[in-house]
Amino acid sequence: MKIMWETAVVFCLCSLSLVSAHSRKFTTPNVTRLTDQFSKIAIENGFSRRFGAHNIQVNGSLAKLTLDKSSGAGLVSKNKYHYGFFSARLKLPAGFASGVVVAFYLSNAETYPKSHDEIDIELLGRSRRDDWTIQTNVYANGSTRTGREEKFYFWFDPTQAFHDYTLIWNSHHTVFLVDNIPVRQFPNRGAFTSAYPSKPMSLYVTVWDGSEWATKGGKYPVNYKYAPFVVSVADVELSGCSVNNGSSTGSGPCTKSGGSISSLDPVDGQDFATLSKNQINAMDWARRKLMFYSYCSDKPRYKVMPAECN
């Protein structure tokens, strides 16, 4: 009887460990839907095929990107931007997706290979069914040795419907949002300034094989028995200061693009200089309930913590 009871306890604990965060019931905060303020674009108008062209299907404002044994797939914006509002609705691959990475990010690595900037939302497939996580990161001036990752559980199943993933980047701060809820703010002040992205960047949407690191540090690679892994992309918004190739350093003038319904300006407008009280409360909710890793708490990783952590 004791053995049976102990077996039951072990089974119960194992079962609990398999419950993903989105299976819990959350009352999400009320926030302004910033994604309703900006115009959507057709995929072909705003993007070029970056890699895996044979694994990209485009139909108006909808694209499907596929990872299979032959290749991943990626889109890159036709314009570079020096600040702006960038958003897309994504539906992630269902089923077993360990090692799969879906990335929505800004980068200028192709222009500045030794001193690039980058702002990442990376969605990491896990070893348990539908248990994806959100990873955010910031690089500036080639500071790739200092990862500034923060990781979050989802409060919904990202494989069952489309959800909004958004980056706000301007001279005041960078904000990462999921379904219009801010999960992270990286300000351009104090010790943060030296690590703040400041050069024009392109927007990328990609799916690729991250077997070496994405799931449990590479413990669970992509299992192509479950391929293809298809991510759907819709309702892309690119509203920012677009920079032509002749002024790619950001020193020249730029052209505001992606006019908004309410004339809100994500680059210079005061509405985007700080978070509202409701947004701050929503971000506090996300970080208390759902954040499970912050680089500023990783003392074994950093003998000397990044300056902004102090």
Protein backbone atom coordinates (compact mmCIF):
# COMPACT_ATOMS: atom_id res chain seq x y z
CA MET A 1 0.00 0.00 0.00
CA LYS A 2 2.86 2.36 0.87
CA ILE A 3 4.55 1.59 -2.47
CA MET A 4 1.30 2.26 -4.32
CA TRP A 5 0.84 5.57 -2.46
CA GLU A 6 4.42 6.66 -3.21
CA THR A 7 3.95 5.72 -6.86
CA ALA A 8 0.78 7.78 -6.99
CA VAL A 9 2.56 10.77 -5.46
CA VAL A 10 5.40 10.52 -8.00
CA PHE A 11 2.87 10.27 -10.84
CA CYS A 12 0.98 13.27 -9.50
CA LEU A 13 4.13 15.37 -9.23
CA CYS A 14 5.23 14.38 -12.72
CA SER A 15 1.80 15.24 -14.07
CA LEU A 16 1.94 18.63 -12.41
CA SER A 17 5.33 19.30 -13.95
CA LEU A 18 3.83 18.77 -17.39
CA VAL A 19 1.17 21.42 -16.93
CA SER A 20 2.18 24.46 -18.94
CA ALA A 21 1.53 27.99 -17.77
CA HIS A 22 -1.17 28.65 -20.35
CA SER A 23 -3.30 25.86 -18.86
CA ARG A 24 -3.74 28.02 -15.75
CA LYS A 25 -6.51 30.57 -15.66
CA PHE A 26 -5.31 34.17 -15.72
CA THR A 27 -7.29 37.38 -15.46
CA THR A 28 -5.34 39.61 -17.81
CA PRO A 29 -5.05 43.36 -17.16
CA ASN A 30 -6.96 45.88 -19.26
CA VAL A 31 -4.65 47.88 -21.53
CA THR A 32 -4.98 50.15 -24.54
CA ARG A 33 -4.83 48.17 -27.77
CA LEU A 34 -1.98 50.03 -29.44
CA THR A 35 -2.13 47.63 -32.37
CA ASP A 36 -5.53 49.12 -33.30
CA GLN A 37 -3.88 52.51 -33.87
CA PHE A 38 -1.70 51.61 -36.85
CA SER A 39 -2.23 50.50 -40.42
CA LYS A 40 -1.65 46.92 -41.55
CA ILE A 41 0.45 46.26 -44.64
CA ALA A 42 0.52 43.61 -47.34
CA ILE A 43 3.44 41.24 -46.80
CA GLU A 44 4.81 41.74 -50.32
CA ASN A 45 4.77 45.53 -49.88
CA GLY A 46 6.82 45.53 -46.72
CA PHE A 47 9.06 42.45 -46.91
CA SER A 48 11.49 40.52 -49.07
CA ARG A 49 12.30 36.84 -48.75
CA ARG A 50 15.50 36.58 -46.71
CA PHE A 51 16.06 32.80 -46.80
CA GLY A 52 14.14 29.60 -47.45
CA ALA A 53 12.07 31.11 -50.27
CA HIS A 54 10.61 27.70 -51.12
CA ASN A 55 9.25 27.50 -47.57
CA ILE A 56 7.43 30.86 -47.73
CA GLN A 57 3.84 31.26 -48.91
CA VAL A 58 2.35 34.75 -49.16
CA ASN A 59 -1.27 35.72 -49.75
CA GLY A 60 -1.92 39.43 -49.25
CA SER A 61 -1.50 40.28 -45.57
CA LEU A 62 -0.92 36.63 -44.58
CA ALA A 63 2.31 34.62 -44.82
CA LYS A 64 3.19 31.08 -43.82
CA LEU A 65 6.81 30.26 -42.96
CA THR A 66 7.88 26.62 -42.70
CA LEU A 67 10.77 24.81 -41.05
CA ASP A 68 11.49 21.33 -42.42
CA LYS A 69 14.59 19.22 -43.01
CA SER A 70 15.54 21.28 -46.04
CA SER A 71 15.46 24.74 -44.48
CA GLY A 72 13.86 27.28 -42.24
CA ALA A 73 12.36 30.49 -43.63
CA GLY A 74 12.64 34.21 -43.09
CA LEU A 75 11.29 37.57 -44.17
CA VAL A 76 13.17 40.88 -43.92
CA SER A 77 11.69 44.37 -44.23
CA LYS A 78 12.45 46.24 -47.44
CA ASN A 79 13.23 49.38 -45.43
CA LYS A 80 15.55 50.03 -42.52
CA TYR A 81 14.06 51.93 -39.58
CA HIS A 82 15.50 54.34 -37.05
CA TYR A 83 12.85 53.93 -34.32
CA GLY A 84 9.22 52.99 -34.69
CA PHE A 85 6.31 50.66 -33.88
CA PHE A 86 6.59 47.10 -35.20
CA SER A 87 3.95 44.44 -34.75
CA ALA A 88 2.63 41.19 -36.20
CA ARG A 89 0.04 38.60 -35.31
CA LEU A 90 1.60 35.14 -35.14
CA LYS A 91 0.21 31.64 -34.78
CA LEU A 92 2.87 29.14 -33.73
CA PRO A 93 3.34 25.53 -34.84
CA ALA A 94 1.20 23.09 -32.89
CA GLY A 95 2.40 19.85 -31.40
CA PHE A 96 5.87 18.71 -30.34
CA ALA A 97 8.25 21.53 -31.32
CA SER A 98 11.41 21.27 -29.22
CA GLY A 99 14.33 23.21 -30.67
CA VAL A 100 12.13 25.31 -32.96
CA VAL A 101 12.67 29.08 -32.81
CA VAL A 102 10.21 31.64 -34.15
CA ALA A 103 11.77 35.10 -34.09
CA PHE A 104 10.31 38.58 -34.50
CA TYR A 105 13.19 41.00 -34.22
CA LEU A 106 15.07 44.11 -35.31
CA SER A 107 18.72 43.83 -36.35
CA ASN A 108 21.45 45.53 -38.39
CA ALA A 109 23.94 42.64 -38.28
CA GLU A 110 24.23 42.61 -42.06
CA THR A 111 25.22 46.29 -42.14
CA TYR A 112 27.35 46.30 -38.97
CA PRO A 113 28.70 42.73 -38.57
CA LYS A 114 31.14 43.72 -35.80
CA SER A 115 29.05 46.30 -33.97
CA HIS A 116 25.45 45.34 -34.62
CA ASP A 117 22.35 46.21 -32.62
CA GLU A 118 19.44 43.85 -32.07
CA ILE A 119 16.07 43.76 -30.29
CA ASP A 120 14.56 40.27 -30.07
CA ILE A 121 11.32 38.53 -29.36
CA GLU A 122 12.13 34.84 -29.69
CA LEU A 123 9.46 32.19 -29.17
CA LEU A 124 11.02 28.92 -28.11
CA GLY A 125 9.41 25.54 -28.71
CA ARG A 126 9.72 23.23 -25.75
CA SER A 127 9.93 19.50 -25.13
CA ARG A 128 6.35 19.32 -23.86
CA ARG A 129 3.40 19.66 -26.18
CA ASP A 130 2.40 23.31 -26.82
CA ASP A 131 4.60 24.53 -23.97
CA TRP A 132 6.28 27.46 -25.69
CA THR A 133 8.11 30.28 -23.90
CA ILE A 134 8.89 33.91 -24.72
CA GLN A 135 12.49 35.15 -24.69
CA THR A 136 13.38 38.83 -25.05
CA ASN A 137 16.86 40.21 -25.60
CA VAL A 138 18.75 43.42 -26.42
CA TYR A 139 22.19 43.92 -27.99
CA ALA A 140 24.00 47.15 -28.83
CA ASN A 141 27.28 47.82 -30.60
CA GLY A 142 28.13 44.15 -30.92
CA SER A 143 27.68 43.34 -27.23
CA THR A 144 26.70 39.73 -27.94
CA ARG A 145 28.86 38.36 -25.12
CA THR A 146 26.53 40.04 -22.64
CA GLY A 147 23.15 38.47 -23.17
CA ARG A 148 20.32 40.49 -21.67
CA GLU A 149 17.68 37.79 -21.84
CA GLU A 150 14.42 37.77 -19.93
CA LYS A 151 12.08 34.80 -20.29
CA PHE A 152 8.35 34.44 -19.74
CA TYR A 153 5.68 31.79 -19.74
CA PHE A 154 2.67 32.32 -21.96
CA TRP A 155 -0.72 32.97 -20.36
CA PHE A 156 -2.46 31.46 -23.40
CA ASP A 157 -1.85 28.70 -25.93
CA PRO A 158 0.06 30.44 -28.78
CA THR A 159 -0.63 27.58 -31.20
CA GLN A 160 -4.42 27.79 -31.18
CA ALA A 161 -4.99 31.33 -32.48
CA PHE A 162 -3.20 34.47 -33.67
CA HIS A 163 -1.70 36.76 -31.02
CA ASP A 164 0.05 40.15 -31.20
CA TYR A 165 3.82 40.50 -30.74
CA THR A 166 5.02 44.09 -30.69
CA LEU A 167 8.22 46.14 -30.36
CA ILE A 168 8.27 49.86 -29.60
CA TRP A 169 11.71 51.38 -30.13
CA ASN A 170 12.44 55.09 -29.85
CA SER A 171 14.89 57.46 -28.19
CA HIS A 172 13.11 57.06 -24.82
CA HIS A 173 12.84 53.31 -24.38
CA THR A 174 12.31 49.91 -25.97
CA VAL A 175 9.12 48.09 -24.98
CA PHE A 176 8.28 44.43 -25.62
CA LEU A 177 4.55 43.66 -25.74
CA VAL A 178 2.47 40.51 -26.15
CA ASP A 179 -1.22 41.02 -26.91
CA ASN A 180 -0.61 44.71 -26.11
CA ILE A 181 0.55 43.88 -22.57
CA PRO A 182 4.06 45.21 -21.90
CA VAL A 183 6.26 42.45 -20.53
CA ARG A 184 9.54 44.36 -20.52
CA GLN A 185 10.85 47.92 -20.79
CA PHE A 186 14.48 48.75 -21.58
CA PRO A 187 14.98 52.49 -20.98
CA ASN A 188 17.49 54.72 -22.74
CA ARG A 189 18.86 56.38 -19.62
CA GLY A 190 21.51 55.95 -16.97
CA ALA A 191 23.49 52.73 -17.13
CA PHE A 192 21.17 51.37 -19.82
CA THR A 193 22.32 53.93 -22.40
CA SER A 194 25.63 52.20 -23.22
CA ALA A 195 23.65 49.06 -24.11
CA TYR A 196 20.89 50.84 -26.02
CA PRO A 197 20.40 50.11 -29.75
CA SER A 198 20.90 53.34 -31.70
CA LYS A 199 21.54 52.51 -35.37
CA PRO A 200 18.91 51.86 -38.10
CA MET A 201 17.67 48.29 -38.23
CA SER A 202 15.60 45.98 -40.41
CA LEU A 203 12.66 43.93 -39.14
CA TYR A 204 12.84 40.14 -39.48
CA VAL A 205 10.26 37.37 -39.07
CA THR A 206 11.83 33.90 -39.14
CA VAL A 207 11.46 30.26 -38.17
CA TRP A 208 14.60 28.14 -37.81
CA ASP A 209 16.34 25.23 -36.14
CA GLY A 210 17.72 26.27 -32.75
CA SER A 211 18.59 22.74 -31.64
CA GLU A 212 21.97 23.76 -30.21
CA TRP A 213 20.47 26.02 -27.52
CA ALA A 214 16.74 26.71 -27.70
CA THR A 215 15.27 23.93 -25.55
CA LYS A 216 16.97 23.12 -22.25
CA GLY A 217 20.32 24.39 -23.54
CA GLY A 218 20.21 22.04 -26.52
CA LYS A 219 19.13 18.94 -24.58
CA TYR A 220 16.07 18.53 -26.81
CA PRO A 221 16.83 19.16 -30.51
CA VAL A 222 14.30 19.51 -33.31
CA ASN A 223 12.63 16.19 -34.07
CA TYR A 224 11.82 16.31 -37.76
CA LYS A 225 9.43 13.39 -37.36
CA TYR A 226 6.96 16.11 -36.36
CA ALA A 227 7.79 18.42 -39.27
CA PRO A 228 6.76 20.56 -41.03
CA PHE A 229 6.65 23.35 -38.43
CA VAL A 230 4.52 26.14 -39.83
CA VAL A 231 4.20 29.65 -38.36
CA SER A 232 1.47 31.92 -39.70
CA VAL A 233 2.11 35.67 -39.90
CA ALA A 234 -0.65 38.29 -40.31
CA ASP A 235 -1.56 41.95 -39.73
CA VAL A 236 1.98 43.29 -39.87
CA GLU A 237 2.43 46.93 -38.80
CA LEU A 238 5.53 48.95 -39.69
CA SER A 239 5.16 52.51 -38.47
CA GLY A 240 8.46 54.26 -38.04
CA CYS A 241 11.22 56.41 -39.35
CA SER A 242 12.34 54.64 -42.52
CA VAL A 243 15.88 55.30 -43.65
CA ASN A 244 16.99 54.95 -47.25
CA ASN A 245 20.22 53.19 -48.15
CA GLY A 246 22.01 56.48 -48.72
CA SER A 247 21.70 57.40 -45.05
CA SER A 248 21.95 53.96 -43.45
CA THR A 249 24.13 55.32 -40.66
CA GLY A 250 21.16 57.22 -39.30
CA SER A 251 22.87 60.58 -39.65
CA GLY A 252 20.60 61.70 -42.47
CA PRO A 253 16.87 62.52 -42.48
CA CYS A 254 14.30 59.76 -42.42
CA THR A 255 10.74 59.46 -43.67
CA LYS A 256 7.85 58.67 -41.36
CA SER A 257 6.00 55.62 -42.67
CA GLY A 258 2.89 53.65 -41.77
CA GLY A 259 0.49 56.44 -40.91
CA SER A 260 -1.63 55.79 -37.84
CA ILE A 261 -5.39 56.09 -37.48
CA SER A 262 -5.15 58.36 -34.46
CA SER A 263 -2.04 60.29 -35.57
CA LEU A 264 -0.07 58.84 -32.67
CA ASP A 265 3.65 59.04 -33.38
CA PRO A 266 5.72 56.15 -31.95
CA VAL A 267 8.99 57.86 -32.82
CA ASP A 268 8.63 61.36 -31.39
CA GLY A 269 5.17 61.44 -29.82
CA GLN A 270 4.76 61.96 -26.09
CA ASP A 271 2.23 59.13 -25.93
CA PHE A 272 5.12 56.76 -26.58
CA ALA A 273 7.75 58.43 -24.39
CA THR A 274 6.56 56.69 -21.21
CA LEU A 275 4.23 53.90 -20.22
CA SER A 276 0.80 54.81 -18.90
CA LYS A 277 -0.25 53.85 -15.39
CA ASN A 278 -2.33 50.98 -16.78
CA GLN A 279 0.60 49.76 -18.87
CA ILE A 280 2.94 49.88 -15.86
CA ASN A 281 0.45 47.88 -13.80
CA ALA A 282 0.06 45.37 -16.64
CA MET A 283 3.83 44.99 -16.97
CA ASP A 284 4.12 44.45 -13.22
CA TRP A 285 1.47 41.70 -13.51
CA ALA A 286 3.34 39.96 -16.33
CA ARG A 287 6.67 40.10 -14.55
CA ARG A 288 5.28 38.85 -11.23
CA LYS A 289 3.15 36.09 -12.67
CA LEU A 290 5.02 34.91 -15.75
CA MET A 291 8.70 35.89 -15.80
CA PHE A 292 10.92 32.95 -14.83
CA TYR A 293 14.38 34.23 -15.83
CA SER A 294 16.18 37.57 -15.85
CA TYR A 295 19.84 38.04 -16.66
CA CYS A 296 20.12 40.49 -13.77
CA SER A 297 19.43 37.63 -11.35
CA ASP A 298 21.90 35.21 -12.92
CA LYS A 299 24.90 35.62 -10.64
CA PRO A 300 26.53 32.30 -11.62
CA ARG A 301 26.59 33.51 -15.23
CA TYR A 302 28.05 36.95 -14.54
CA LYS A 303 30.90 37.38 -12.09
CA VAL A 304 30.46 41.11 -12.67
CA MET A 305 26.84 41.98 -13.36
CA PRO A 306 26.01 44.31 -16.28
CA ALA A 307 26.03 47.91 -15.08
CA GLU A 308 22.27 48.44 -15.43
CA CYS A 309 21.59 45.53 -13.07
CA ASN A 310 23.12 47.51 -10.21
